[in-house]
Protein backbone atom coordinates (compact mmCIF):
# COMPACT_ATOMS: atom_id res chain seq x y z
CA MET A 1 46.41 121.80 119.85
CA LYS A 2 49.58 120.09 118.84
CA GLN A 3 52.41 122.08 117.32
CA HIS A 4 53.01 119.40 114.74
CA PHE A 5 51.72 119.32 111.12
CA GLN A 6 51.72 116.41 108.68
CA VAL A 7 52.08 118.89 106.01
CA LEU A 8 53.20 122.49 106.45
CA VAL A 9 52.83 124.97 103.72
CA VAL A 10 54.97 128.12 103.68
CA GLY A 11 53.22 130.87 101.58
CA ALA A 12 49.55 131.61 101.03
CA GLY A 13 49.48 132.88 97.40
CA PRO A 14 47.82 130.91 94.59
CA ALA A 15 50.56 127.84 94.84
CA GLY A 16 50.25 127.62 98.57
CA ILE A 17 46.61 127.86 98.76
CA ALA A 18 46.23 125.08 96.06
CA ALA A 19 48.78 122.95 97.88
CA ALA A 20 47.03 123.37 101.33
CA VAL A 21 43.48 122.66 99.82
CA ARG A 22 44.76 119.52 98.04
CA ALA A 23 46.79 118.28 100.88
CA SER A 24 43.76 118.77 103.40
CA GLU A 25 41.61 116.31 101.26
CA SER A 26 43.69 113.44 102.64
CA GLY A 27 42.49 114.25 106.19
CA GLN A 28 45.94 115.01 107.38
CA ARG A 29 46.66 117.99 109.58
CA VAL A 30 47.76 120.71 107.23
CA GLY A 31 49.14 124.18 108.22
CA LEU A 32 49.38 127.19 105.96
CA LEU A 33 51.73 130.03 106.90
CA ASP A 34 52.17 133.52 105.41
CA ASP A 35 53.24 136.76 106.47
CA ASN A 36 50.35 138.71 105.13
CA PRO A 37 47.18 139.24 107.15
CA ALA A 38 45.00 137.33 104.68
CA ALA A 39 45.64 134.50 102.11
CA GLY A 40 46.14 135.35 98.49
CA GLY A 41 49.63 136.51 98.28
CA GLN A 42 50.69 139.55 96.28
CA ILE A 43 48.50 138.89 93.40
CA TRP A 44 45.12 138.03 95.09
CA ARG A 45 45.41 140.88 97.55
CA LYS A 46 42.51 141.39 100.04
CA GLY A 47 40.46 144.34 99.11
CA ALA A 48 41.09 144.10 95.37
CA ARG A 49 38.56 143.13 92.77
CA LEU A 50 39.45 139.33 92.64
CA PRO A 51 39.20 137.26 89.45
CA ARG A 52 36.91 134.39 89.63
CA ALA A 53 39.57 131.89 90.02
CA ALA A 54 40.75 133.61 93.17
CA ARG A 55 37.17 133.66 94.79
CA GLN A 56 36.82 130.16 94.03
CA TRP A 57 40.32 129.00 95.47
CA LEU A 58 39.73 131.24 98.65
CA ALA A 59 36.43 129.57 99.09
CA LYS A 60 37.77 126.32 98.85
CA LEU A 61 40.51 127.00 101.53
CA GLY A 62 37.74 128.53 103.80
CA ALA A 63 35.99 125.29 103.62
CA THR A 64 38.89 123.15 104.78
CA SER A 65 40.39 122.35 108.16
CA VAL A 66 43.76 123.83 107.37
CA VAL A 67 45.27 125.90 110.31
CA ARG A 68 46.06 129.22 108.93
CA LEU A 69 48.80 130.95 110.46
CA GLN A 70 48.34 134.56 108.71
CA GLY A 71 50.66 137.42 109.73
CA TRP A 72 53.73 135.02 110.51
CA HIS A 73 57.02 134.82 108.69
CA VAL A 74 59.55 131.87 108.88
CA PHE A 75 62.96 133.33 109.95
CA GLY A 76 64.93 130.07 110.56
CA ALA A 77 65.03 126.09 110.03
CA PRO A 78 67.28 124.91 112.74
CA ALA A 79 66.91 121.18 112.19
CA LYS A 80 65.10 118.72 109.74
CA GLY A 81 61.47 118.91 110.45
CA ILE A 82 61.40 122.17 112.16
CA VAL A 83 60.87 125.91 111.24
CA LEU A 84 60.78 128.95 113.58
CA ALA A 85 58.27 131.67 112.70
CA GLU A 86 57.79 135.22 114.02
CA ARG A 87 54.63 137.27 114.08
CA ASN A 88 54.77 140.00 111.65
CA SER A 89 54.63 143.11 113.69
CA LEU A 90 52.78 144.91 110.94
CA CYS A 91 49.84 142.38 111.34
CA ALA A 92 49.81 142.59 115.20
CA THR A 93 47.47 144.71 117.20
CA ALA A 94 48.84 147.59 119.25
CA SER A 95 48.54 145.52 122.50
CA GLU A 96 50.45 142.69 121.13
CA GLU A 97 54.19 141.77 121.79
CA PRO A 98 55.84 140.04 118.92
CA ASP A 99 55.32 136.31 119.28
CA HIS A 100 57.21 133.31 117.99
CA LEU A 101 56.43 129.81 117.07
CA LYS A 102 58.46 126.50 116.68
CA LEU A 103 56.71 124.41 114.18
CA ARG A 104 57.26 120.63 113.24
CA TYR A 105 56.27 119.04 110.11
CA ASP A 106 56.57 115.64 108.22
CA LYS A 107 56.33 117.24 104.81
CA LEU A 108 57.19 120.77 103.99
CA ILE A 109 55.84 122.67 100.86
CA LEU A 110 57.58 125.88 99.86
CA ALA A 111 55.57 128.45 98.05
CA THR A 112 57.41 131.54 98.94
CA GLY A 113 56.58 133.59 95.61
CA ALA A 114 58.62 136.19 94.03
CA ARG A 115 59.43 139.77 94.24
CA GLU A 116 60.35 142.69 91.74
CA ARG A 117 63.76 143.05 90.45
CA PHE A 118 64.98 146.76 90.61
CA LEU A 119 67.95 147.99 88.80
CA PRO A 120 69.71 151.24 90.09
CA PHE A 121 70.01 154.26 88.08
CA PRO A 122 70.51 157.91 89.08
CA GLY A 123 67.49 159.16 91.13
CA TRP A 124 66.01 155.76 91.80
CA THR A 125 65.85 156.48 95.52
CA LEU A 126 63.73 159.66 95.12
CA PRO A 127 60.27 159.55 96.67
CA ASN A 128 57.49 158.43 94.18
CA VAL A 129 59.95 156.19 92.29
CA MET A 130 58.48 152.88 93.02
CA GLY A 131 58.34 149.40 91.92
CA ALA A 132 55.65 148.60 89.40
CA GLY A 133 53.99 146.06 91.63
CA GLY A 134 54.70 148.23 94.73
CA LEU A 135 52.62 151.07 93.38
CA ASP A 136 49.96 148.78 92.16
CA ALA A 137 49.66 147.31 95.67
CA MET A 138 49.48 150.84 97.42
CA VAL A 139 46.65 151.81 94.99
CA ARG A 140 44.88 148.57 95.73
CA SER A 141 45.26 149.52 99.56
CA GLY A 142 43.62 153.08 98.86
CA LEU A 143 46.46 155.31 97.58
CA PRO A 144 44.67 157.81 95.28
CA VAL A 145 46.07 158.14 91.93
CA SER A 146 43.35 159.84 90.00
CA GLY A 147 44.82 162.48 87.57
CA LYS A 148 48.36 161.60 88.57
CA ARG A 149 50.79 161.25 85.58
CA VAL A 150 52.69 157.85 85.63
CA VAL A 151 55.45 156.54 83.48
CA VAL A 152 55.67 152.67 83.67
CA ALA A 153 58.90 151.16 82.77
CA GLY A 154 61.03 148.02 83.05
CA THR A 155 60.21 144.61 81.45
CA GLY A 156 57.82 141.83 81.57
CA PRO A 157 54.01 141.28 81.55
CA LEU A 158 53.56 142.94 84.84
CA LEU A 159 54.07 146.44 83.26
CA LEU A 160 51.01 146.31 81.20
CA ALA A 161 48.87 144.70 84.03
CA VAL A 162 50.02 147.45 86.45
CA ALA A 163 49.41 150.24 83.86
CA ALA A 164 45.95 148.89 83.15
CA HIS A 165 45.12 148.78 86.74
CA LEU A 166 46.35 152.37 87.51
CA ALA A 167 44.43 153.62 84.53
CA GLU A 168 41.20 151.99 85.75
CA HIS A 169 41.85 154.00 89.16
CA GLY A 170 42.12 157.30 87.14
CA ALA A 171 45.89 157.58 86.59
CA LYS A 172 47.04 159.25 83.49
CA ILE A 173 49.65 156.77 81.94
CA ILE A 174 51.86 158.89 79.90
CA VAL A 175 54.31 156.19 78.53
CA ILE A 176 55.01 152.46 78.98
CA CYS A 177 58.74 151.72 78.40
CA GLU A 178 59.63 148.00 77.70
CA GLN A 179 63.40 147.22 77.69
CA ALA A 180 62.96 144.29 75.44
CA PRO A 181 63.13 144.72 71.71
CA MET A 182 60.01 144.44 69.48
CA ARG A 183 61.22 141.37 67.71
CA ARG A 184 61.30 139.49 70.95
CA LEU A 185 57.84 140.84 71.83
CA ARG A 186 56.39 139.55 68.47
CA SER A 187 57.89 136.15 69.22
CA PHE A 188 56.36 136.07 72.55
CA ALA A 189 53.07 137.16 71.32
CA LEU A 190 53.18 134.21 68.76
CA SER A 191 53.90 131.73 71.44
CA LEU A 192 50.60 132.84 73.11
CA LEU A 193 48.58 131.53 70.21
CA SER A 194 48.67 128.17 71.94
CA GLN A 195 47.39 129.76 75.21
CA PRO A 196 44.22 131.82 73.95
CA ARG A 197 43.30 132.89 77.40
CA LYS A 198 46.66 134.63 77.94
CA ALA A 199 46.52 136.17 74.50
CA VAL A 200 42.98 137.65 75.16
CA GLN A 201 44.23 138.92 78.56
CA GLY A 202 47.23 140.65 76.92
CA VAL A 203 45.09 142.30 74.23
CA GLY A 204 42.62 143.41 76.90
CA LEU A 205 45.37 145.05 78.97
CA ARG A 206 46.69 146.96 75.91
CA LEU A 207 43.28 148.14 75.08
CA THR A 208 42.90 149.48 78.60
CA THR A 209 46.02 151.40 78.07
CA ARG A 210 45.68 152.44 74.51
CA GLY A 211 46.13 156.02 75.42
CA ALA A 212 49.69 155.61 76.55
CA ARG A 213 52.54 155.56 74.24
CA PHE A 214 54.34 152.23 74.06
CA TYR A 215 57.98 152.07 73.47
CA THR A 216 60.34 148.91 73.21
CA SER A 217 64.01 148.94 73.75
CA CYS A 218 63.55 152.04 75.94
CA TRP A 219 64.29 152.43 79.67
CA PRO A 220 64.72 155.12 82.23
CA VAL A 221 68.30 156.56 82.64
CA ALA A 222 67.52 159.17 85.36
CA ALA A 223 64.72 160.09 87.88
CA ASN A 224 64.91 163.82 88.43
CA GLY A 225 63.53 166.18 91.34
CA ARG A 226 64.56 168.01 94.50
CA GLU A 227 62.30 166.74 97.43
CA LYS A 228 60.46 164.11 95.07
CA LEU A 229 60.11 162.82 91.58
CA GLU A 230 59.47 165.56 89.02
CA SER A 231 60.53 164.06 85.90
CA VAL A 232 62.08 160.97 84.22
CA THR A 233 64.70 160.94 81.64
CA LEU A 234 64.20 158.10 79.00
CA LEU A 235 66.59 156.53 76.41
CA HIS A 236 65.12 155.07 73.20
CA GLY A 237 66.86 154.51 69.83
CA GLY A 238 70.02 156.40 71.04
CA LYS A 239 67.99 159.58 72.07
CA GLN A 240 67.29 160.80 75.42
CA TRP A 241 64.21 163.06 76.51
CA GLU A 242 62.63 164.10 79.77
CA ILE A 243 59.12 163.72 80.71
CA GLU A 244 57.34 165.27 83.54
CA CYS A 245 55.49 162.93 85.93
CA ASP A 246 54.25 162.37 89.44
CA TYR A 247 55.09 158.64 89.68
CA LEU A 248 57.64 156.30 88.08
CA ALA A 249 56.43 152.70 88.40
CA CYS A 250 59.59 150.71 87.50
CA GLY A 251 60.26 147.05 87.77
CA PHE A 252 62.57 144.60 85.89
CA HIS A 253 60.39 141.43 85.99
CA LEU A 254 60.59 139.10 89.10
CA VAL A 255 62.93 137.19 90.95
CA PRO A 256 62.05 134.08 93.01
CA ASN A 257 62.35 134.19 96.93
CA LEU A 258 64.92 131.65 97.56
CA GLU A 259 66.22 132.56 100.99
CA LEU A 260 64.32 129.72 102.87
CA PRO A 261 64.94 127.02 100.12
CA ARG A 262 68.65 127.90 100.12
CA MET A 263 68.78 127.79 103.92
CA ILE A 264 67.11 124.43 104.05
CA GLY A 265 69.55 123.10 101.40
CA CYS A 266 67.23 122.70 98.17
CA GLY A 267 69.28 122.53 95.02
CA ILE A 268 69.17 125.63 92.92
CA HIS A 269 69.83 125.84 89.15
CA ASN A 270 69.75 128.80 86.82
CA GLY A 271 68.25 130.95 89.68
CA PHE A 272 65.38 128.57 90.54
CA VAL A 273 64.71 125.64 92.82
CA THR A 274 65.13 122.25 91.15
CA VAL A 275 62.23 119.87 91.66
CA ASP A 276 61.16 116.47 90.04
CA ARG A 277 57.75 115.68 88.44
CA TRP A 278 56.23 115.50 91.95
CA GLN A 279 57.57 119.00 92.90
CA GLN A 280 60.04 117.21 95.15
CA THR A 281 63.27 119.33 95.95
CA SER A 282 66.78 117.64 96.40
CA VAL A 283 65.98 117.70 100.18
CA PRO A 284 63.86 114.70 101.28
CA ASP A 285 60.14 115.62 102.33
CA VAL A 286 60.58 119.41 101.13
CA LEU A 287 58.58 120.20 98.02
CA CYS A 288 58.41 123.46 96.33
CA ALA A 289 55.66 125.02 94.05
CA GLY A 290 54.93 128.25 92.33
CA GLU A 291 57.46 131.23 91.34
CA PRO A 292 60.39 129.77 93.21
CA THR A 293 60.56 126.85 90.55
CA GLY A 294 60.12 129.29 87.66
CA ILE A 295 58.13 132.54 86.86
CA GLY A 296 55.09 131.29 85.14
CA GLY A 297 52.00 133.06 86.46
CA VAL A 298 48.95 132.10 88.30
CA GLU A 299 47.85 128.99 86.23
CA LEU A 300 51.16 127.36 86.59
CA ALA A 301 51.44 128.17 90.27
CA LEU A 302 48.02 126.54 90.86
CA ALA A 303 48.91 123.32 89.01
CA GLU A 304 52.25 122.99 90.80
CA GLY A 305 50.64 123.76 94.14
CA GLN A 306 48.04 121.06 93.62
CA ILE A 307 50.69 118.45 92.40
CA ALA A 308 52.70 119.24 95.54
CA GLY A 309 49.75 119.00 97.89
CA LEU A 310 48.54 115.72 96.56
CA ALA A 311 52.16 114.23 96.23
CA ALA A 312 52.96 115.28 99.71
CA THR A 313 49.97 113.15 100.96
CA GLY A 314 50.51 110.25 98.72
CA SER A 315 47.80 111.04 96.17
CA VAL A 316 50.03 110.44 93.22
CA GLU A 317 47.29 109.28 90.68
CA LYS A 318 45.32 112.49 91.10
CA ALA A 319 48.60 114.45 90.83
CA LYS A 320 49.51 112.84 87.38
CA LYS A 321 46.14 114.28 86.01
CA LEU A 322 47.46 117.75 86.52
CA MET A 323 50.97 117.32 84.88
CA GLU A 324 49.92 118.23 81.27
CA LYS A 325 48.44 121.52 82.70
CA ARG A 326 51.76 122.20 84.45
CA ASN A 327 53.68 121.28 81.37
CA ARG A 328 51.88 123.92 79.28
CA GLY A 329 52.70 126.46 82.02
CA GLN A 330 56.35 125.49 81.97
CA ARG A 331 56.53 126.16 78.29
CA PHE A 332 55.06 129.61 79.01
CA VAL A 333 57.99 130.06 81.58
CA HIS A 334 60.59 129.38 78.68
CA ALA A 335 58.80 132.05 76.62
CA LEU A 336 58.99 134.62 79.34
CA VAL A 337 62.66 133.98 79.85
CA SER A 338 63.58 134.28 76.38
CA ALA A 339 61.23 137.35 75.61
CA PHE A 340 62.18 139.55 78.64
CA GLU A 341 65.86 138.76 79.01
CA LEU A 342 67.63 141.87 80.27
CA ASP A 343 69.63 144.13 77.84
CA PRO A 344 73.30 144.11 78.78
CA ARG A 345 73.35 147.92 78.18
CA LEU A 346 71.19 148.20 81.44
CA ARG A 347 74.45 147.36 83.35
CA SER A 348 75.67 151.02 82.44
CA LEU A 349 72.71 152.75 84.21
CA PRO A 350 74.11 153.55 87.47
CA THR A 351 76.92 156.04 87.93
CA SER A 352 79.78 155.84 90.45
CA GLU A 353 77.78 157.67 93.11
CA THR A 354 74.44 155.65 92.56
CA PHE A 355 73.32 153.73 95.52
CA VAL A 356 73.06 150.00 94.91
CA CYS A 357 72.43 148.92 98.48
CA ARG A 358 69.84 151.39 99.90
CA CYS A 359 69.91 150.10 103.40
CA GLU A 360 73.45 150.73 103.93
CA ASP A 361 74.16 153.53 101.29
CA VAL A 362 76.66 151.49 99.45
CA SER A 363 77.23 153.11 95.98
CA PHE A 364 78.10 151.43 92.58
CA GLY A 365 81.57 152.84 92.78
CA ALA A 366 82.25 151.41 96.14
CA LEU A 367 81.36 147.93 94.79
CA SER A 368 83.12 147.89 91.63
CA GLY A 369 86.42 146.52 92.92
CA TYR A 370 85.18 143.35 94.65
CA SER A 371 84.91 139.96 92.97
CA SER A 372 82.08 138.44 94.88
CA ALA A 373 78.96 139.09 96.97
CA ARG A 374 80.76 137.81 100.02
CA ASP A 375 83.98 139.90 99.54
CA ALA A 376 81.67 143.14 98.95
CA LYS A 377 79.54 142.25 101.93
CA LEU A 378 82.61 141.93 104.26
CA HIS A 379 84.19 145.20 103.06
CA THR A 380 81.21 147.53 102.53
CA ARG A 381 78.08 145.92 104.39
CA CYS A 382 76.23 145.46 101.00
CA GLY A 383 73.34 143.23 101.78
CA MET A 384 73.53 143.51 105.51
CA GLY A 385 70.78 146.06 106.11
CA ALA A 386 67.05 145.49 106.97
CA CYS A 387 66.20 143.78 103.61
CA GLN A 388 69.03 141.35 103.93
CA GLY A 389 70.02 141.75 100.29
CA ARG A 390 66.58 141.33 98.72
CA ILE A 391 66.74 144.38 96.79
CA CYS A 392 70.57 144.88 96.15
CA GLY A 393 71.11 141.14 95.79
CA ALA A 394 69.23 140.70 92.45
CA ALA A 395 70.80 143.98 91.13
CA ALA A 396 74.37 142.99 91.94
CA GLN A 397 73.82 139.66 90.43
CA PHE A 398 72.95 141.42 87.20
CA LEU A 399 75.56 144.12 87.46
CA PHE A 400 78.58 142.11 88.65
CA GLY A 401 77.53 138.46 88.12
CA TRP A 402 77.58 137.83 91.73
CA ASP A 403 75.55 134.77 93.06
CA ALA A 404 74.53 134.50 96.71
CA ASP A 405 76.94 131.98 98.16
CA SER A 406 75.27 131.35 101.40
CA VAL A 407 72.24 132.15 103.37
CA ARG A 408 72.35 132.52 107.22
CA PRO A 409 69.60 132.40 109.76
CA PRO A 410 67.65 134.52 110.52
CA ILE A 411 66.62 135.15 106.80
CA LEU A 412 64.75 138.03 108.23
CA PRO A 413 65.29 140.58 111.05
CA ALA A 414 64.01 138.76 114.20
CA PHE A 415 63.60 139.77 117.87
CA LEU A 416 66.14 138.30 120.38
CA SER A 417 63.18 136.46 122.11
CA SER A 418 62.47 134.85 118.83
CA LEU A 419 65.89 133.47 118.38
CA ALA A 420 65.65 131.76 121.86
CA VAL A 421 62.42 129.96 120.82
CA ALA A 422 64.09 126.50 120.30
CA ASP A 423 62.75 125.10 123.52
CA ALA A 424 59.81 127.32 124.10
CA PRO A 425 56.35 125.55 124.29
CA VAL A 426 54.04 126.98 121.60
CA ALA A 427 51.25 124.59 121.46
CA ALA A 428 48.88 127.09 123.25
CA ALA A 429 49.77 129.80 120.73
CA VAL A 430 49.07 127.55 117.75
CA SER A 431 45.55 126.63 119.47
CA ASP A 432 44.48 130.21 119.80
CA ILE A 433 45.25 130.87 116.25
CA ALA A 434 43.34 127.75 115.18
CA SER A 435 40.34 128.48 117.30
CA ASN A 436 39.97 131.88 115.65
CA GLN A 437 39.40 130.37 112.35
CA ASN A 438 35.68 130.02 112.75
CA ARG A 439 35.80 133.56 111.63
CA LYS A 440 36.43 132.63 107.97
CA ASP A 441 37.54 135.39 105.39
CA THR A 442 35.07 136.27 102.76
CA PRO A 443 36.45 136.23 99.43
């Protein structure tokens, strides 16, 4: 099996799956790489109760000849047409040593998804203070929450979705705290009238969580406890009060995963990858789809992924038919940005002692005297830990206005053996992975 792909898709969430499926229709050799053990990304997680659209797209993917490299992550792109990938050790068996691949491509489609934005406040490092999506993922993986008292806080539609899912698993949702004001939520609700499916979905989520109090212009100012979380202090209308709870699920919307697009040299504007009508980035033969181009949900991701897959293989007439669907999704992106813009008062949450960089134990006070992310990194090691700034980077951007000025390989921690992969033969490794694909995942 050759190590060369005519189209290589990085990221197997909805956008990546759609891109791979459509690209494969041309008969070209397509590869789909993702660091999770199964396709679906964070939203279509294996083992969860999947919606109909997820089951349909996973079935379509299973019926293709796409070479699926599950459990691998890209850590470098040393030259045009080449990416370096390493096996995710969490997806390897106990007998396997970490492996690495050097993959060549003619066209590259980036569908790297997004992650939660965390904002630091006193106590946010306590056990059982989790990202909203993180707690949701753990419950999908088997964490029991029946009878547990949960406070859900932050901003964005994810809060209601997480609260509803936790409630379905028996959690007692005490309160949902949305930092956006009610007037913006009303405007957002009105904008959904043009998209009835989303409006119905939103109403359904709120009905599922109707037993929980819902506050706007409200956020946590402290998580309290000794060994683990015991209570949360909330601020609403200028007043503070404390609520006992077992979990705090807290996330301030999503931020795109831009490390790989930045390293390849894709143009970035207002925090997202810039693309043309064909999802083509500023780098020739590199396309991008899904959350890195704008946080807009599954329907937009599917439309963009299909357009990217079709455009990458020259099927532009088919791609044109999807553009109106994409345009509707992009209008939803603008509504989200307007509705859930962060309140400037959230910048006052951390105290001088509050850690901003959890990997390197760098406090808010230690960062306050610096003028840029680079300056702070050189003097404090902020962003130099295992997560490579994925947690503190978005927080520092909001707190201090710092933008990431560079991305250096490896974009994820990598083994020395992987860093020496440039001239290593990997055709046999790719062949082994492809031969195992007769065992299709069952949606």
